Amino acid sequence: HTTVVEFVLLGLAGSRPLEITLFLLLGIAYFLILLGNISVIGITLTSSFLQTPMYYFLRNFALLEITFTSTFLPSTLYSLLTERKTISLPGCFLQMLFFYCLGACGLLHTAVVSLDRYVAVCHPLHYSAIMSSRFCLQLVLGCWALSFLLVLPPTILTTQLPFCGPNVMNHFYCDHSLLLQLSCTDTGFIEGLMFITLIIILPGTLLVTAVSYGCVIVTILHMPSSAGRRKAFSTCSAHLTVVLVLYSTCIYRYIRPAQRGGQDSDKVLSLFFCVLAETLNPYIYSLRNRQVKQAFKERILKFSASLR
């Protein structure tokens, strides 16, 4: 019964000068995301003293961020540059599937990183035994598997819906809630299923992250060294800032009734957790770390020496 062959994404701007400005800003953000995360992957792979569970998780987190932002930013940049606003039905469904699967996997990875910090700070003597290479691999694979198992059912059901009416979405990527509004049949069951999925992913991972960092902060407060406390608090505060921005925008955006037709504020919120948080993550989680900075300086010195 589907008569719609493509969807129209209204995008981020209504005027050409604003589109060019956003193209430049988002292009810079995408470049920084790629540069930061590729640097994290390269440094943690090639430095012998960074072969620890924490950097293993951060390396996977960096790879995940590259793939996540690549599901929508290249098409968004192309749309801003060429003013082409359409996306095919299969393309929309695929973008939606990977956007939500990779987004859910990113939140699960955030919880895993917080668990790693909890074990490292609160149980340092048992850290190596608990965070074995096999257990780390199981955690990473578990994040990927759980995200796809949670997101795949509502996505598959959505692809079976008929679309025979309007085909315009007020967004810059294929948003699930707006897509359901365009269907010409009842979507109550799918909306309920997606809401349950989001409840499991968002508050669930936030609870794990909050409890882990809460235990870390309590342990830090009992440290005898004031320098150690300052250093630990500096790291935790940076991580918690990213977590606060990410979860506050995600929960407000998705754990509430969808506005009919979509709102411009939804696009702004999406930019916060899709672009701003992803731009900051590699620099806050990894590149401001003392060991990573030391490894980065060594690579620069070796490269300079090879040029000479």
Foldseek 3Di string as FASTA:
>chain_A
DAPDFKFFAPAQDDDLVVLVVVLVVLVVLLVLLCVLLVLLLVLCVPDPVNPDLLSVLSNVLSVLLNQLLVLFSVLNSVCSVVVDGMDGLVSQLVSQLSNQLSVLLNLLSLLVSLLLLLCCLVPVVCNCVVSDPVVSVVSSVVSNVVSNVLRVPLSVVLSPFHAYDHRYAHARGNDPLQSCLRGPDDCVVSLVSVLVSCCCRQVVSVVSNVVSVVSNLVSLVPDPDPVSSVVSCQLSVLSVVLVCLQRVLVCVLRVDDADHRHDSVSRVSCCRNSRVSSSCVSVNNPVVDPVSVVSVVVVVVVVVVVVD
